[in-house]
Amino acid sequence: MLIKEERSLLLGDACNYFTFLFDDYSLSVTEYEDSLKKLLSQVSGKYDTVYLSHGDGQGHKEMIKDVIAVCEDIRQRHTDDVPYDFMGITGTIAKAQDAQGNRIDGGKGNIVYNKNKI
């Protein structure tokens, strides 16, 4: 959601530092990437602040671009593929993280995905 008057973008759970795309109802990575590219084309240059649903709620301005880059890495098989289990559903974390949830490679944004839905 774009709040034009405040130049703020609310991404919530849709695009963040640890986006879930691994359950049966999730888009494929390619579909998700396409939707992010469309969103970026619609909001580019219209916001200065990004808000998320988790952590301190603060995102960074390049969040969408960074998560698109993770999608591209998944499609190109340039991932660390760390197993992940959440409430009995198994997925794969694209980029390895440290104990605090920061990507080891220094990048921002990450995706837990289903290898059968790329």
Protein backbone atom coordinates (compact mmCIF):
# COMPACT_ATOMS: atom_id res chain seq x y z
CA MET A 1 0.00 0.00 0.00
CA LEU A 2 1.37 3.38 -1.01
CA ILE A 3 0.52 6.38 1.17
CA LYS A 4 1.30 9.15 -1.30
CA GLU A 5 0.88 12.02 1.15
CA GLU A 6 3.49 10.51 3.49
CA ARG A 7 5.70 9.06 0.72
CA SER A 8 5.48 5.75 2.57
CA LEU A 9 5.15 2.20 1.28
CA LEU A 10 3.65 -0.52 3.47
CA LEU A 11 4.95 -3.89 2.31
CA GLY A 12 3.82 -5.84 5.36
CA ASP A 13 4.41 -9.57 4.88
CA ALA A 14 4.32 -9.32 1.09
CA CYS A 15 8.00 -8.40 0.66
CA ASN A 16 10.41 -8.34 3.59
CA TYR A 17 13.61 -9.65 5.12
CA PHE A 18 12.22 -13.21 5.34
CA THR A 19 9.31 -13.68 2.92
CA PHE A 20 7.38 -16.97 3.00
CA LEU A 21 6.66 -18.54 -0.42
CA PHE A 22 6.72 -22.19 0.53
CA ASP A 23 3.21 -23.30 1.40
CA ASP A 24 0.66 -24.78 -0.97
CA TYR A 25 -1.10 -21.43 -1.48
CA SER A 26 1.98 -19.37 -2.30
CA LEU A 27 2.83 -18.06 -5.72
CA SER A 28 5.74 -19.62 -7.55
CA VAL A 29 8.99 -17.69 -7.28
CA THR A 30 8.62 -16.55 -10.91
CA GLU A 31 5.04 -15.33 -10.37
CA TYR A 32 6.12 -13.53 -7.21
CA GLU A 33 9.07 -11.90 -9.00
CA ASP A 34 6.75 -10.72 -11.78
CA SER A 35 4.36 -9.20 -9.24
CA LEU A 36 7.24 -7.40 -7.48
CA LYS A 37 8.48 -5.98 -10.77
CA LYS A 38 4.98 -4.71 -11.56
CA LEU A 39 4.67 -3.18 -8.10
CA LEU A 40 8.06 -1.52 -8.40
CA SER A 41 7.11 0.03 -11.74
CA GLN A 42 3.97 1.48 -10.14
CA VAL A 43 5.58 2.93 -6.99
CA SER A 44 9.12 3.78 -8.09
CA GLY A 45 10.08 7.30 -7.05
CA LYS A 46 6.90 7.75 -5.01
CA TYR A 47 8.15 6.70 -1.54
CA ASP A 48 11.00 7.35 0.85
CA THR A 49 10.02 5.11 3.76
CA VAL A 50 9.20 1.40 3.81
CA TYR A 51 7.24 -0.32 6.59
CA LEU A 52 7.10 -4.07 7.28
CA SER A 53 5.01 -6.30 9.55
CA HIS A 54 7.81 -7.73 11.68
CA GLY A 55 10.83 -6.69 13.71
CA ASP A 56 10.91 -2.96 14.31
CA GLY A 57 8.68 -2.40 11.28
CA GLN A 58 11.34 -0.52 9.36
CA GLY A 59 12.32 -1.67 5.89
CA HIS A 60 14.86 -0.15 3.57
CA LYS A 61 14.09 1.80 0.43
CA GLU A 62 15.55 -0.84 -1.91
CA MET A 63 13.63 -3.74 -0.33
CA ILE A 64 11.67 -4.60 -3.48
CA LYS A 65 14.76 -4.57 -5.68
CA ASP A 66 16.69 -6.69 -3.18
CA VAL A 67 13.96 -9.32 -3.00
CA ILE A 68 13.68 -9.35 -6.80
CA ALA A 69 17.41 -10.13 -6.83
CA VAL A 70 16.79 -13.09 -4.50
CA CYS A 71 14.09 -14.34 -6.90
CA GLU A 72 16.59 -14.11 -9.74
CA ASP A 73 19.18 -16.02 -7.70
CA ILE A 74 16.64 -18.75 -6.96
CA ARG A 75 15.76 -19.13 -10.64
CA GLN A 76 19.48 -19.25 -11.55
CA ARG A 77 20.20 -21.70 -8.73
CA HIS A 78 22.59 -19.27 -7.00
CA THR A 79 21.27 -20.10 -3.54
CA ASP A 80 22.48 -21.64 -0.30
CA ASP A 81 19.32 -23.79 0.09
CA VAL A 82 19.07 -24.04 3.86
CA PRO A 83 16.28 -26.40 5.02
CA TYR A 84 13.51 -24.68 6.99
CA ASP A 85 10.51 -26.03 8.89
CA PHE A 86 7.61 -23.92 10.13
CA MET A 87 4.51 -25.42 11.69
CA GLY A 88 5.10 -28.75 9.97
CA ILE A 89 5.66 -27.25 6.52
CA THR A 90 9.12 -27.66 5.04
CA GLY A 91 10.71 -25.06 2.79
CA THR A 92 14.11 -23.87 1.69
CA ILE A 93 15.78 -20.62 2.72
CA ALA A 94 17.43 -19.08 -0.34
CA LYS A 95 20.28 -17.27 1.42
CA ALA A 96 22.07 -18.51 4.56
CA GLN A 97 21.63 -16.40 7.67
CA ASP A 98 23.42 -15.94 10.96
CA ALA A 99 21.77 -16.50 14.36
CA GLN A 100 20.31 -12.97 14.29
CA GLY A 101 18.62 -13.53 10.92
CA ASN A 102 21.06 -11.42 8.88
CA ARG A 103 22.17 -12.82 5.56
CA ILE A 104 25.72 -14.12 5.73
CA ASP A 105 26.54 -12.64 2.32
CA GLY A 106 25.56 -9.16 3.58
CA GLY A 107 22.55 -8.87 1.29
CA LYS A 108 19.08 -7.86 2.42
CA GLY A 109 15.85 -9.66 1.87
CA ASN A 110 15.39 -13.41 1.81
CA ILE A 111 12.82 -15.95 0.69
CA VAL A 112 11.71 -19.28 2.06
CA TYR A 113 10.53 -21.13 -1.03
CA ASN A 114 9.30 -24.45 -2.35
CA LYS A 115 11.78 -26.03 -4.77
CA ASN A 116 8.82 -27.46 -6.71
CA LYS A 117 7.35 -24.00 -7.34
CA ILE A 118 10.08 -21.96 -8.99
